[in-house]
Amino acid sequence: MKLKLYLIPVLILIIIFGGIALSKSFGLWQTYTQKTPAKFESGAFQGENDPYDIRGSYTFQDIEINFDVSVKLLAEAFPISDDNFETNKAKDVEDYYGEMNLPYEIGTGSVKYFVALYNGLPFDGEEALPDTAISVLERDAKIEPDTMIGLQTDDVYAELSSEEMMHTELNEGEFAITGDTTVKDTLNQGIIFEDLEAIIGNIDDENSSIKDIAQRNGFAFGEVKDTLNELLQ
């Protein structure tokens, strides 16, 4: 039997939309791309998702799915918007607090640290947390009193200027990228200009800060900082 030409487009549409409907009925059709973080490869938490792998592109919904920390809790800890909490991204935290010109950085790393503390998971290093995040941890009894005291003490240390913090690191031989670190500072640590430009984008002034150039070129400073600090190590 020959198929009439005018019926071919109709059949194609039936096949396409019929396939979608069938996929939905079996739960195979997804319009939302789920992020999949790395897992701990050894130790007591082997096989669990590692919060250190949370990227700036992760939405609060991605974090809820992968780490069982609800969007509502994340919005309480990092109140960066008044609506659409699900679509808030980890990198938006940096943009929000960056406008406040704080003497310490709150960004993607802070979200990672909060999730690790809330779930009792190990985390390599410490990050600054806003008071709202510390309050959530305290209210839900997710951290020990000693840890709480440590976080509050860190807030006191965070009042040091970025310049003082940088000099302290240099005196200890442990240079690290901060909000005030310039391109020239970084190059003096042995980073090749071309490699630096590949990470933060076009560099037009070596006396400008890494943070300003990265954000001007559309990069989240938290991720740039982590990349450069790993490269320096």
N, C-alpha and C. Protein backbone atom coordinates (compact mmCIF):
# COMPACT_ATOMS: atom_id res chain seq x y z
N MET A 1 0.85 -1.19 0.00
CA MET A 1 0.00 0.00 0.00
C MET A 1 0.88 1.24 0.00
N LYS A 2 0.62 2.15 -0.92
CA LYS A 2 1.39 3.37 -1.00
C LYS A 2 0.82 4.42 -0.05
N LEU A 3 1.72 5.13 0.62
CA LEU A 3 1.32 6.16 1.57
C LEU A 3 1.20 7.49 0.83
N LYS A 4 0.08 8.13 1.00
CA LYS A 4 -0.12 9.42 0.35
C LYS A 4 0.81 10.46 0.97
N LEU A 5 1.40 11.30 0.12
CA LEU A 5 2.41 12.25 0.56
C LEU A 5 1.90 13.21 1.63
N TYR A 6 0.65 13.63 1.53
CA TYR A 6 0.15 14.63 2.48
C TYR A 6 -0.02 14.06 3.89
N LEU A 7 0.02 12.72 4.00
CA LEU A 7 -0.12 12.10 5.31
C LEU A 7 1.21 11.96 6.05
N ILE A 8 2.32 12.09 5.32
CA ILE A 8 3.64 11.89 5.94
C ILE A 8 3.91 12.87 7.09
N PRO A 9 3.68 14.21 6.90
CA PRO A 9 3.91 15.13 8.02
C PRO A 9 3.07 14.80 9.25
N VAL A 10 1.84 14.35 8.99
CA VAL A 10 0.95 14.00 10.10
C VAL A 10 1.51 12.81 10.88
N LEU A 11 1.98 11.81 10.15
CA LEU A 11 2.54 10.63 10.80
C LEU A 11 3.81 10.97 11.59
N ILE A 12 4.63 11.88 11.04
CA ILE A 12 5.84 12.29 11.76
C ILE A 12 5.49 12.94 13.09
N LEU A 13 4.48 13.82 13.08
CA LEU A 13 4.06 14.48 14.31
C LEU A 13 3.51 13.47 15.32
N ILE A 14 2.76 12.50 14.82
CA ILE A 14 2.20 11.46 15.70
C ILE A 14 3.32 10.67 16.36
N ILE A 15 4.34 10.33 15.57
CA ILE A 15 5.47 9.55 16.11
C ILE A 15 6.23 10.35 17.16
N ILE A 16 6.50 11.64 16.86
CA ILE A 16 7.26 12.48 17.79
C ILE A 16 6.52 12.67 19.11
N PHE A 17 5.28 13.18 19.01
CA PHE A 17 4.55 13.48 20.23
C PHE A 17 4.05 12.22 20.94
N GLY A 18 3.83 11.16 20.16
CA GLY A 18 3.47 9.90 20.79
C GLY A 18 4.63 9.34 21.59
N GLY A 19 5.86 9.50 21.04
CA GLY A 19 7.06 9.05 21.76
C GLY A 19 7.27 9.82 23.04
N ILE A 20 7.04 11.14 22.98
CA ILE A 20 7.18 11.96 24.19
C ILE A 20 6.18 11.55 25.25
N ALA A 21 4.93 11.35 24.82
CA ALA A 21 3.89 10.95 25.77
C ALA A 21 4.22 9.61 26.42
N LEU A 22 4.72 8.68 25.60
CA LEU A 22 5.08 7.36 26.11
C LEU A 22 6.23 7.48 27.10
N SER A 23 7.23 8.32 26.78
CA SER A 23 8.37 8.51 27.68
C SER A 23 7.93 9.10 29.00
N LYS A 24 7.02 10.08 28.94
CA LYS A 24 6.51 10.69 30.17
C LYS A 24 5.79 9.67 31.03
N SER A 25 5.03 8.79 30.39
CA SER A 25 4.25 7.80 31.15
C SER A 25 5.16 6.84 31.91
N PHE A 26 6.37 6.63 31.40
CA PHE A 26 7.33 5.75 32.06
C PHE A 26 8.36 6.53 32.87
N GLY A 27 8.17 7.86 32.96
CA GLY A 27 9.09 8.69 33.73
C GLY A 27 10.44 8.86 33.09
N LEU A 28 10.53 8.69 31.78
CA LEU A 28 11.81 8.77 31.08
C LEU A 28 12.04 10.14 30.44
N TRP A 29 10.98 10.94 30.33
CA TRP A 29 11.11 12.24 29.68
C TRP A 29 11.41 13.32 30.71
N GLN A 30 12.50 14.05 30.52
CA GLN A 30 12.88 15.12 31.44
C GLN A 30 13.20 16.38 30.65
N THR A 31 12.60 17.49 31.07
CA THR A 31 12.94 18.78 30.48
C THR A 31 13.93 19.51 31.36
N TYR A 32 14.22 18.94 32.52
CA TYR A 32 15.13 19.57 33.47
C TYR A 32 16.43 18.76 33.53
N THR A 33 17.56 19.42 33.30
CA THR A 33 18.85 18.73 33.33
C THR A 33 19.38 18.68 34.75
N GLN A 34 19.47 17.49 35.29
CA GLN A 34 19.91 17.32 36.67
C GLN A 34 21.42 17.28 36.76
N LYS A 35 21.97 18.06 37.69
CA LYS A 35 23.40 18.07 37.92
C LYS A 35 23.79 16.81 38.70
N THR A 36 24.97 16.28 38.43
CA THR A 36 25.45 15.10 39.13
C THR A 36 26.83 15.39 39.72
N PRO A 37 26.90 15.67 41.01
CA PRO A 37 28.20 15.99 41.62
C PRO A 37 29.05 14.75 41.83
N ALA A 38 30.34 14.98 42.04
CA ALA A 38 31.25 13.88 42.35
C ALA A 38 30.91 13.30 43.72
N LYS A 39 31.34 12.07 43.94
CA LYS A 39 31.07 11.40 45.22
C LYS A 39 32.37 11.17 45.99
N PHE A 40 32.24 11.03 47.30
CA PHE A 40 33.39 10.65 48.11
C PHE A 40 33.84 9.25 47.67
N GLU A 41 35.12 9.09 47.44
CA GLU A 41 35.62 7.83 46.91
C GLU A 41 36.10 6.87 47.99
N SER A 42 36.25 7.35 49.21
CA SER A 42 36.71 6.48 50.28
C SER A 42 36.26 7.03 51.62
N GLY A 43 36.52 6.28 52.68
CA GLY A 43 36.18 6.74 54.02
C GLY A 43 34.75 6.43 54.40
N ALA A 44 34.34 7.01 55.53
CA ALA A 44 33.02 6.72 56.10
C ALA A 44 31.89 7.20 55.20
N PHE A 45 32.15 8.20 54.36
CA PHE A 45 31.10 8.77 53.51
C PHE A 45 31.22 8.33 52.06
N GLN A 46 31.94 7.25 51.83
CA GLN A 46 32.14 6.76 50.47
C GLN A 46 30.80 6.56 49.75
N GLY A 47 30.72 7.07 48.53
CA GLY A 47 29.50 6.92 47.74
C GLY A 47 28.51 8.06 47.88
N GLU A 48 28.70 8.92 48.90
CA GLU A 48 27.81 10.06 49.07
C GLU A 48 28.29 11.24 48.23
N ASN A 49 27.36 12.09 47.85
CA ASN A 49 27.70 13.26 47.05
C ASN A 49 28.58 14.22 47.85
N ASP A 50 29.61 14.73 47.20
CA ASP A 50 30.58 15.61 47.84
C ASP A 50 30.19 17.07 47.61
N PRO A 51 29.84 17.82 48.68
CA PRO A 51 29.43 19.22 48.50
C PRO A 51 30.52 20.11 47.93
N TYR A 52 31.78 19.67 48.03
CA TYR A 52 32.87 20.47 47.46
C TYR A 52 32.74 20.59 45.95
N ASP A 53 31.96 19.67 45.35
CA ASP A 53 31.81 19.66 43.89
C ASP A 53 30.64 20.52 43.42
N ILE A 54 29.96 21.21 44.35
CA ILE A 54 28.89 22.12 43.95
C ILE A 54 29.50 23.25 43.12
N ARG A 55 28.94 23.48 41.95
CA ARG A 55 29.44 24.52 41.04
C ARG A 55 28.59 25.77 41.14
N GLY A 56 29.13 26.85 40.62
CA GLY A 56 28.39 28.10 40.61
C GLY A 56 27.10 28.02 39.82
N SER A 57 27.05 27.11 38.85
CA SER A 57 25.86 26.97 38.01
C SER A 57 24.75 26.16 38.67
N TYR A 58 25.05 25.53 39.82
CA TYR A 58 24.03 24.74 40.53
C TYR A 58 22.95 25.68 41.06
N THR A 59 21.69 25.36 40.76
CA THR A 59 20.59 26.11 41.35
C THR A 59 20.30 25.55 42.75
N PHE A 60 19.51 26.29 43.51
CA PHE A 60 19.11 25.79 44.83
C PHE A 60 18.34 24.48 44.68
N GLN A 61 17.61 24.35 43.58
CA GLN A 61 16.88 23.10 43.34
C GLN A 61 17.84 21.95 43.09
N ASP A 62 18.91 22.19 42.33
CA ASP A 62 19.93 21.16 42.11
C ASP A 62 20.50 20.68 43.45
N ILE A 63 20.76 21.63 44.33
CA ILE A 63 21.35 21.30 45.63
C ILE A 63 20.36 20.50 46.47
N GLU A 64 19.09 20.88 46.43
CA GLU A 64 18.08 20.13 47.18
C GLU A 64 18.02 18.68 46.68
N ILE A 65 18.05 18.49 45.37
CA ILE A 65 17.96 17.14 44.80
C ILE A 65 19.15 16.29 45.19
N ASN A 66 20.33 16.88 45.15
CA ASN A 66 21.56 16.10 45.36
C ASN A 66 22.01 16.00 46.81
N PHE A 67 21.59 16.96 47.65
CA PHE A 67 22.11 16.98 49.02
C PHE A 67 21.04 17.03 50.09
N ASP A 68 19.77 16.95 49.69
CA ASP A 68 18.67 16.90 50.64
C ASP A 68 18.67 18.09 51.59
N VAL A 69 19.10 19.24 51.10
CA VAL A 69 18.95 20.50 51.84
C VAL A 69 17.93 21.31 51.05
N SER A 70 16.78 21.56 51.64
CA SER A 70 15.66 22.12 50.89
C SER A 70 15.93 23.52 50.35
N VAL A 71 15.23 23.83 49.29
CA VAL A 71 15.32 25.17 48.70
C VAL A 71 14.95 26.22 49.74
N LYS A 72 13.94 25.92 50.57
CA LYS A 72 13.51 26.86 51.60
C LYS A 72 14.64 27.16 52.59
N LEU A 73 15.36 26.12 53.00
CA LEU A 73 16.47 26.32 53.94
C LEU A 73 17.59 27.13 53.30
N LEU A 74 17.89 26.83 52.06
CA LEU A 74 18.94 27.57 51.36
C LEU A 74 18.56 29.04 51.21
N ALA A 75 17.27 29.29 50.97
CA ALA A 75 16.80 30.67 50.84
C ALA A 75 16.86 31.40 52.18
N GLU A 76 16.69 30.66 53.27
CA GLU A 76 16.84 31.26 54.61
C GLU A 76 18.30 31.58 54.90
N ALA A 77 19.17 30.64 54.53
CA ALA A 77 20.60 30.81 54.81
C ALA A 77 21.22 31.89 53.93
N PHE A 78 20.76 31.96 52.68
CA PHE A 78 21.30 32.94 51.73
C PHE A 78 20.13 33.70 51.09
N PRO A 79 19.56 34.66 51.80
CA PRO A 79 18.37 35.38 51.33
C PRO A 79 18.70 36.41 50.26
N ILE A 80 19.01 35.92 49.06
CA ILE A 80 19.49 36.80 48.00
C ILE A 80 18.39 37.28 47.08
N SER A 81 17.17 36.75 47.22
CA SER A 81 16.07 37.21 46.38
C SER A 81 14.76 37.00 47.13
N ASP A 82 13.70 37.59 46.60
CA ASP A 82 12.40 37.50 47.25
C ASP A 82 11.48 36.45 46.64
N ASP A 83 11.86 35.91 45.50
CA ASP A 83 11.01 34.90 44.86
C ASP A 83 11.86 34.01 43.96
N ASN A 84 11.20 33.01 43.38
CA ASN A 84 11.88 32.06 42.48
C ASN A 84 13.13 31.46 43.13
N PHE A 85 12.99 31.03 44.38
CA PHE A 85 14.15 30.50 45.10
C PHE A 85 14.77 29.30 44.38
N GLU A 86 13.93 28.50 43.70
CA GLU A 86 14.44 27.30 43.04
C GLU A 86 15.49 27.63 41.99
N THR A 87 15.34 28.79 41.34
CA THR A 87 16.25 29.13 40.25
C THR A 87 17.46 29.94 40.72
N ASN A 88 17.51 30.28 42.00
CA ASN A 88 18.72 30.94 42.51
C ASN A 88 19.91 30.02 42.28
N LYS A 89 21.03 30.59 41.87
CA LYS A 89 22.24 29.80 41.66
C LYS A 89 23.29 30.10 42.71
N ALA A 90 24.17 29.14 42.93
CA ALA A 90 25.23 29.33 43.92
C ALA A 90 26.06 30.57 43.59
N LYS A 91 26.31 30.81 42.31
CA LYS A 91 27.12 31.96 41.92
C LYS A 91 26.38 33.29 42.16
N ASP A 92 25.04 33.23 42.26
CA ASP A 92 24.27 34.44 42.56
C ASP A 92 24.57 34.94 43.96
N VAL A 93 24.95 34.03 44.85
CA VAL A 93 25.30 34.40 46.22
C VAL A 93 26.49 35.36 46.21
N GLU A 94 27.47 35.03 45.39
CA GLU A 94 28.65 35.89 45.28
C GLU A 94 28.29 37.26 44.73
N ASP A 95 27.44 37.29 43.69
CA ASP A 95 27.03 38.57 43.10
C ASP A 95 26.29 39.43 44.12
N TYR A 96 25.44 38.79 44.93
CA TYR A 96 24.63 39.52 45.91
C TYR A 96 25.51 40.13 47.00
N TYR A 97 26.35 39.31 47.62
CA TYR A 97 27.17 39.81 48.72
C TYR A 97 28.36 40.63 48.22
N GLY A 98 28.75 40.40 46.97
CA GLY A 98 29.87 41.17 46.41
C GLY A 98 29.56 42.65 46.32
N GLU A 99 28.29 42.98 46.14
CA GLU A 99 27.89 44.38 46.03
C GLU A 99 27.97 45.10 47.37
N MET A 100 28.12 44.35 48.46
CA MET A 100 28.16 44.97 49.79
C MET A 100 29.57 45.39 50.20
N ASN A 101 30.56 45.03 49.37
CA ASN A 101 31.96 45.37 49.67
C ASN A 101 32.38 44.90 51.06
N LEU A 102 32.06 43.67 51.39
CA LEU A 102 32.44 43.09 52.68
C LEU A 102 33.95 42.84 52.71
N PRO A 103 34.55 42.83 53.90
CA PRO A 103 35.99 42.56 54.00
C PRO A 103 36.33 41.09 53.83
N TYR A 104 35.32 40.25 53.62
CA TYR A 104 35.53 38.82 53.39
C TYR A 104 34.58 38.40 52.28
N GLU A 105 34.83 37.26 51.69
CA GLU A 105 34.07 36.82 50.52
C GLU A 105 33.02 35.77 50.88
N ILE A 106 31.82 36.02 50.42
CA ILE A 106 30.73 35.05 50.57
C ILE A 106 30.27 34.71 49.16
N GLY A 107 30.37 33.44 48.80
CA GLY A 107 30.02 33.05 47.45
C GLY A 107 29.73 31.57 47.33
N THR A 108 30.10 30.98 46.21
CA THR A 108 29.84 29.56 45.96
C THR A 108 30.49 28.70 47.04
N GLY A 109 31.71 29.06 47.46
CA GLY A 109 32.38 28.30 48.52
C GLY A 109 31.59 28.30 49.81
N SER A 110 30.92 29.41 50.10
CA SER A 110 30.10 29.50 51.32
C SER A 110 28.91 28.54 51.24
N VAL A 111 28.32 28.42 50.05
CA VAL A 111 27.20 27.49 49.86
C VAL A 111 27.68 26.05 50.07
N LYS A 112 28.85 25.74 49.51
CA LYS A 112 29.43 24.39 49.69
C LYS A 112 29.63 24.09 51.17
N TYR A 113 30.22 25.06 51.88
CA TYR A 113 30.54 24.87 53.30
C TYR A 113 29.27 24.70 54.13
N PHE A 114 28.24 25.51 53.83
CA PHE A 114 26.96 25.41 54.54
C PHE A 114 26.35 24.03 54.36
N VAL A 115 26.31 23.55 53.11
CA VAL A 115 25.73 22.24 52.82
C VAL A 115 26.50 21.13 53.55
N ALA A 116 27.82 21.25 53.57
CA ALA A 116 28.64 20.24 54.26
C ALA A 116 28.34 20.24 55.75
N LEU A 117 28.28 21.42 56.35
CA LEU A 117 27.99 21.51 57.78
C LEU A 117 26.58 21.00 58.09
N TYR A 118 25.63 21.36 57.25
CA TYR A 118 24.24 20.96 57.51
C TYR A 118 24.07 19.45 57.45
N ASN A 119 24.82 18.81 56.56
CA ASN A 119 24.70 17.35 56.39
C ASN A 119 25.76 16.57 57.17
N GLY A 120 26.60 17.29 57.90
CA GLY A 120 27.64 16.59 58.67
C GLY A 120 28.67 15.91 57.80
N LEU A 121 28.95 16.49 56.64
CA LEU A 121 29.90 15.91 55.71
C LEU A 121 31.26 16.60 55.81
N PRO A 122 32.34 15.89 55.53
CA PRO A 122 33.67 16.50 55.60
C PRO A 122 33.83 17.55 54.50
N PHE A 123 34.63 18.57 54.81
CA PHE A 123 34.86 19.65 53.84
C PHE A 123 36.29 20.13 53.98
N ASP A 124 36.96 20.27 52.85
CA ASP A 124 38.36 20.66 52.84
C ASP A 124 38.48 22.18 52.93
N GLY A 125 38.73 22.70 54.14
CA GLY A 125 38.87 24.14 54.33
C GLY A 125 37.63 24.75 54.96
N GLU A 126 37.66 26.08 55.11
CA GLU A 126 36.55 26.82 55.67
C GLU A 126 36.25 28.03 54.79
N GLU A 127 35.00 28.45 54.80
CA GLU A 127 34.58 29.61 54.03
C GLU A 127 33.77 30.53 54.94
N ALA A 128 33.75 31.80 54.62
CA ALA A 128 32.94 32.74 55.38
C ALA A 128 31.46 32.46 55.16
N LEU A 129 30.67 32.59 56.22
CA LEU A 129 29.23 32.39 56.14
C LEU A 129 28.51 33.65 56.62
N PRO A 130 27.40 34.00 56.00
CA PRO A 130 26.61 35.13 56.50
C PRO A 130 25.93 34.74 57.81
N ASP A 131 25.54 35.73 58.60
CA ASP A 131 24.88 35.47 59.87
C ASP A 131 23.62 34.62 59.69
N THR A 132 22.93 34.82 58.58
CA THR A 132 21.70 34.06 58.34
C THR A 132 21.98 32.57 58.22
N ALA A 133 23.08 32.21 57.59
CA ALA A 133 23.43 30.79 57.45
C ALA A 133 23.82 30.20 58.80
N ILE A 134 24.58 30.96 59.58
CA ILE A 134 24.98 30.48 60.91
C ILE A 134 23.75 30.29 61.79
N SER A 135 22.79 31.19 61.67
CA SER A 135 21.56 31.09 62.47
C SER A 135 20.77 29.83 62.12
N VAL A 136 20.71 29.49 60.84
CA VAL A 136 20.00 28.27 60.42
C VAL A 136 20.69 27.03 60.99
N LEU A 137 22.01 27.00 60.92
CA LEU A 137 22.77 25.86 61.46
C LEU A 137 22.54 25.73 62.97
N GLU A 138 22.52 26.86 63.66
CA GLU A 138 22.32 26.84 65.11
C GLU A 138 20.90 26.42 65.46
N ARG A 139 19.92 26.97 64.77
CA ARG A 139 18.52 26.66 65.03
C ARG A 139 18.22 25.18 64.85
N ASP A 140 18.77 24.59 63.79
CA ASP A 140 18.49 23.19 63.47
C ASP A 140 19.48 22.23 64.12
N ALA A 141 20.32 22.77 65.01
CA ALA A 141 21.30 21.96 65.75
C ALA A 141 22.13 21.08 64.83
N LYS A 142 22.63 21.68 63.76
CA LYS A 142 23.41 20.94 62.78
C LYS A 142 24.91 21.03 63.02
N ILE A 143 25.32 21.80 64.01
CA ILE A 143 26.74 21.90 64.33
C ILE A 143 26.92 21.88 65.84
N GLU A 144 28.07 21.38 66.27
CA GLU A 144 28.39 21.32 67.68
C GLU A 144 28.70 22.71 68.21
N PRO A 145 28.51 22.93 69.52
CA PRO A 145 28.80 24.25 70.12
C PRO A 145 30.21 24.74 69.82
N ASP A 146 31.19 23.82 69.84
CA ASP A 146 32.57 24.23 69.56
C ASP A 146 32.71 24.78 68.13
N THR A 147 32.01 24.13 67.20
CA THR A 147 32.05 24.60 65.82
C THR A 147 31.38 25.96 65.70
N MET A 148 30.28 26.15 66.44
CA MET A 148 29.59 27.43 66.43
C MET A 148 30.49 28.55 66.92
N ILE A 149 31.22 28.27 68.00
CA ILE A 149 32.14 29.27 68.54
C ILE A 149 33.21 29.59 67.50
N GLY A 150 33.68 28.56 66.80
CA GLY A 150 34.69 28.77 65.77
C GLY A 150 34.18 29.64 64.64
N LEU A 151 32.92 29.42 64.23
CA LEU A 151 32.35 30.23 63.15
C LEU A 151 32.20 31.68 63.59
N GLN A 152 31.76 31.88 64.83
CA GLN A 152 31.60 33.24 65.33
C GLN A 152 32.95 33.94 65.45
N THR A 153 33.97 33.18 65.84
CA THR A 153 35.32 33.74 65.93
C THR A 153 35.82 34.12 64.55
N ASP A 154 35.51 33.29 63.57
CA ASP A 154 35.93 33.59 62.19
C ASP A 154 35.34 34.92 61.73
N ASP A 155 34.09 35.21 62.18
CA ASP A 155 33.49 36.48 61.81
C ASP A 155 34.31 37.65 62.35
N VAL A 156 34.88 37.48 63.56
CA VAL A 156 35.72 38.52 64.14
C VAL A 156 36.99 38.70 63.30
N TYR A 157 37.60 37.56 62.94
CA TYR A 157 38.81 37.63 62.11
C TYR A 157 38.51 38.23 60.75
N ALA A 158 37.31 38.02 60.28
CA ALA A 158 36.96 38.52 58.95
C ALA A 158 36.93 40.04 58.90
N GLU A 159 36.91 40.69 60.07
CA GLU A 159 36.91 42.15 60.10
C GLU A 159 38.26 42.72 59.70
N LEU A 160 39.30 41.87 59.69
CA LEU A 160 40.60 42.33 59.19
C LEU A 160 40.46 42.75 57.73
N SER A 161 41.21 43.76 57.34
CA SER A 161 41.15 44.19 55.95
C SER A 161 41.77 43.12 55.07
N SER A 162 41.37 43.09 53.80
CA SER A 162 41.92 42.12 52.87
C SER A 162 43.43 42.27 52.75
N GLU A 163 43.93 43.52 52.85
CA GLU A 163 45.36 43.76 52.75
C GLU A 163 46.10 43.11 53.92
N GLU A 164 45.55 43.24 55.14
CA GLU A 164 46.18 42.61 56.31
C GLU A 164 46.18 41.10 56.17
N MET A 165 45.07 40.55 55.67
CA MET A 165 44.98 39.11 55.50
C MET A 165 46.01 38.63 54.48
N MET A 166 46.20 39.41 53.41
CA MET A 166 47.14 39.02 52.37
C MET A 166 48.56 39.04 52.90
N HIS A 167 48.92 40.06 53.69
CA HIS A 167 50.26 40.13 54.23
C HIS A 167 50.53 38.98 55.19
N THR A 168 49.50 38.61 55.96
CA THR A 168 49.65 37.47 56.88
C THR A 168 49.97 36.21 56.11
N GLU A 169 49.23 36.00 54.99
CA GLU A 169 49.47 34.80 54.19
C GLU A 169 50.87 34.82 53.59
N LEU A 170 51.31 36.00 53.12
CA LEU A 170 52.63 36.10 52.52
C LEU A 170 53.72 35.84 53.54
N ASN A 171 53.52 36.34 54.77
CA ASN A 171 54.52 36.11 55.81
C ASN A 171 54.65 34.64 56.15
N GLU A 172 53.54 33.91 56.02
CA GLU A 172 53.56 32.49 56.33
C GLU A 172 53.95 31.66 55.11
N GLY A 173 54.19 32.33 53.99
CA GLY A 173 54.55 31.59 52.78
C GLY A 173 53.40 30.86 52.15
N GLU A 174 52.18 31.29 52.43
CA GLU A 174 51.01 30.61 51.91
C GLU A 174 50.14 31.61 51.15
N PHE A 175 50.67 32.13 50.06
CA PHE A 175 49.93 33.10 49.25
C PHE A 175 48.63 32.49 48.76
N ALA A 176 47.57 33.27 48.83
CA ALA A 176 46.28 32.82 48.32
C ALA A 176 45.55 34.00 47.71
N ILE A 177 44.72 33.72 46.74
CA ILE A 177 43.95 34.76 46.06
C ILE A 177 42.85 35.28 46.98
N THR A 178 42.76 36.61 47.13
CA THR A 178 41.68 37.24 47.89
C THR A 178 41.01 38.27 46.99
N GLY A 179 40.02 38.96 47.53
CA GLY A 179 39.30 39.96 46.75
C GLY A 179 40.17 41.11 46.29
N ASP A 180 41.26 41.38 47.00
CA ASP A 180 42.13 42.51 46.65
C ASP A 180 43.39 42.10 45.88
N THR A 181 43.57 40.82 45.65
CA THR A 181 44.76 40.35 44.93
C THR A 181 44.75 40.88 43.50
N THR A 182 45.84 41.52 43.10
CA THR A 182 45.92 42.08 41.75
C THR A 182 46.50 41.07 40.77
N VAL A 183 46.40 41.41 39.51
CA VAL A 183 47.00 40.58 38.45
C VAL A 183 48.51 40.50 38.68
N LYS A 184 49.10 41.64 38.99
CA LYS A 184 50.55 41.69 39.20
C LYS A 184 50.97 40.79 40.37
N ASP A 185 50.20 40.82 41.47
CA ASP A 185 50.48 39.94 42.61
C ASP A 185 50.52 38.49 42.17
N THR A 186 49.54 38.11 41.36
CA THR A 186 49.40 36.72 40.92
C THR A 186 50.53 36.33 39.98
N LEU A 187 50.87 37.21 39.06
CA LEU A 187 51.97 36.93 38.13
C LEU A 187 53.29 36.77 38.89
N ASN A 188 53.45 37.54 39.96
CA ASN A 188 54.67 37.46 40.77
C ASN A 188 54.81 36.11 41.48
N GLN A 189 53.69 35.37 41.56
CA GLN A 189 53.73 34.05 42.18
C GLN A 189 54.05 32.94 41.18
N GLY A 190 54.32 33.34 39.93
CA GLY A 190 54.75 32.34 38.94
C GLY A 190 53.68 31.93 37.96
N ILE A 191 52.47 32.48 38.09
CA ILE A 191 51.42 32.16 37.12
C ILE A 191 51.76 32.81 35.78
N ILE A 192 51.66 32.07 34.70
CA ILE A 192 51.94 32.60 33.37
C ILE A 192 50.77 33.47 32.91
N PHE A 193 51.10 34.61 32.30
CA PHE A 193 50.08 35.58 31.89
C PHE A 193 48.99 34.93 31.04
N GLU A 194 49.40 34.14 30.06
CA GLU A 194 48.42 33.51 29.15
C GLU A 194 47.49 32.55 29.91
N ASP A 195 48.06 31.83 30.90
CA ASP A 195 47.24 30.91 31.70
C ASP A 195 46.24 31.68 32.55
N LEU A 196 46.70 32.81 33.10
CA LEU A 196 45.81 33.63 33.92
C LEU A 196 44.69 34.21 33.08
N GLU A 197 45.02 34.67 31.90
CA GLU A 197 44.02 35.27 31.03
C GLU A 197 42.99 34.22 30.57
N ALA A 198 43.44 32.97 30.45
CA ALA A 198 42.51 31.90 30.07
C ALA A 198 41.49 31.63 31.17
N ILE A 199 41.86 31.97 32.42
CA ILE A 199 40.98 31.70 33.56
C ILE A 199 40.06 32.88 33.86
N ILE A 200 40.58 34.13 33.77
CA ILE A 200 39.79 35.29 34.18
C ILE A 200 39.33 36.16 33.00
N GLY A 201 39.77 35.82 31.79
CA GLY A 201 39.38 36.61 30.63
C GLY A 201 40.40 37.70 30.32
N ASN A 202 40.03 38.58 29.40
CA ASN A 202 40.94 39.61 28.92
C ASN A 202 41.46 40.51 30.04
N ILE A 203 42.77 40.67 30.11
CA ILE A 203 43.41 41.50 31.14
C ILE A 203 43.89 42.80 30.49
N ASP A 204 43.35 43.92 30.95
CA ASP A 204 43.73 45.21 30.36
C ASP A 204 44.57 46.07 31.30
N ASP A 205 44.69 45.61 32.56
CA ASP A 205 45.47 46.39 33.53
C ASP A 205 46.00 45.45 34.61
N GLU A 206 47.31 45.32 34.71
CA GLU A 206 47.90 44.39 35.68
C GLU A 206 47.75 44.87 37.11
N ASN A 207 47.38 46.13 37.29
CA ASN A 207 47.17 46.65 38.65
C ASN A 207 45.74 46.46 39.12
N SER A 208 44.86 45.98 38.25
CA SER A 208 43.48 45.71 38.64
C SER A 208 43.41 44.41 39.43
N SER A 209 42.38 44.28 40.25
CA SER A 209 42.23 43.06 41.04
C SER A 209 41.71 41.91 40.18
N ILE A 210 42.09 40.70 40.57
CA ILE A 210 41.59 39.50 39.89
C ILE A 210 40.06 39.49 39.91
N LYS A 211 39.50 39.86 41.06
CA LYS A 211 38.04 39.83 41.23
C LYS A 211 37.35 40.75 40.24
N ASP A 212 37.84 42.00 40.12
CA ASP A 212 37.20 42.97 39.23
C ASP A 212 37.26 42.51 37.78
N ILE A 213 38.42 42.02 37.36
CA ILE A 213 38.57 41.60 35.96
C ILE A 213 37.69 40.38 35.67
N ALA A 214 37.69 39.41 36.58
CA ALA A 214 36.89 38.20 36.38
C ALA A 214 35.41 38.55 36.25
N GLN A 215 34.91 39.38 37.17
CA GLN A 215 33.49 39.74 37.13
C GLN A 215 33.16 40.59 35.91
N ARG A 216 34.09 41.43 35.50
CA ARG A 216 33.87 42.24 34.30
C ARG A 216 33.77 41.37 33.05
N ASN A 217 34.48 40.25 33.07
CA ASN A 217 34.46 39.33 31.93
C ASN A 217 33.41 38.24 32.06
N GLY A 218 32.56 38.35 33.10
CA GLY A 218 31.44 37.43 33.24
C GLY A 218 31.74 36.14 33.98
N PHE A 219 32.86 36.11 34.75
CA PHE A 219 33.20 34.91 35.52
C PHE A 219 32.88 35.11 36.99
N ALA A 220 32.41 34.05 37.65
CA ALA A 220 32.15 34.10 39.09
C ALA A 220 33.48 34.05 39.83
N PHE A 221 33.72 35.04 40.69
CA PHE A 221 35.01 35.13 41.36
C PHE A 221 35.29 33.91 42.24
N GLY A 222 34.26 33.36 42.88
CA GLY A 222 34.47 32.21 43.75
C GLY A 222 35.11 31.04 43.01
N GLU A 223 34.62 30.77 41.79
CA GLU A 223 35.17 29.67 41.01
C GLU A 223 36.58 30.00 40.50
N VAL A 224 36.76 31.28 40.09
CA VAL A 224 38.09 31.71 39.63
C VAL A 224 39.10 31.59 40.76
N LYS A 225 38.70 32.04 41.94
CA LYS A 225 39.58 31.99 43.11
C LYS A 225 40.00 30.55 43.42
N ASP A 226 39.02 29.63 43.41
CA ASP A 226 39.32 28.23 43.70
C ASP A 226 40.28 27.65 42.67
N THR A 227 40.05 27.97 41.40
CA THR A 227 40.91 27.46 40.33
C THR A 227 42.34 27.96 40.49
N LEU A 228 42.48 29.26 40.75
CA LEU A 228 43.82 29.84 40.88
C LEU A 228 44.55 29.35 42.12
N ASN A 229 43.81 29.22 43.22
CA ASN A 229 44.44 28.73 44.45
C ASN A 229 44.92 27.29 44.29
N GLU A 230 44.14 26.48 43.57
CA GLU A 230 44.59 25.11 43.30
C GLU A 230 45.81 25.11 42.41
N LEU A 231 45.85 26.03 41.44
CA LEU A 231 46.98 26.12 40.54
C LEU A 231 48.23 26.59 41.30
N LEU A 232 48.05 27.50 42.23
CA LEU A 232 49.17 27.98 43.03
C LEU A 232 49.73 26.88 43.92
N GLN A 233 48.85 26.03 44.43
CA GLN A 233 49.30 24.96 45.30
C GLN A 233 50.08 23.90 44.53
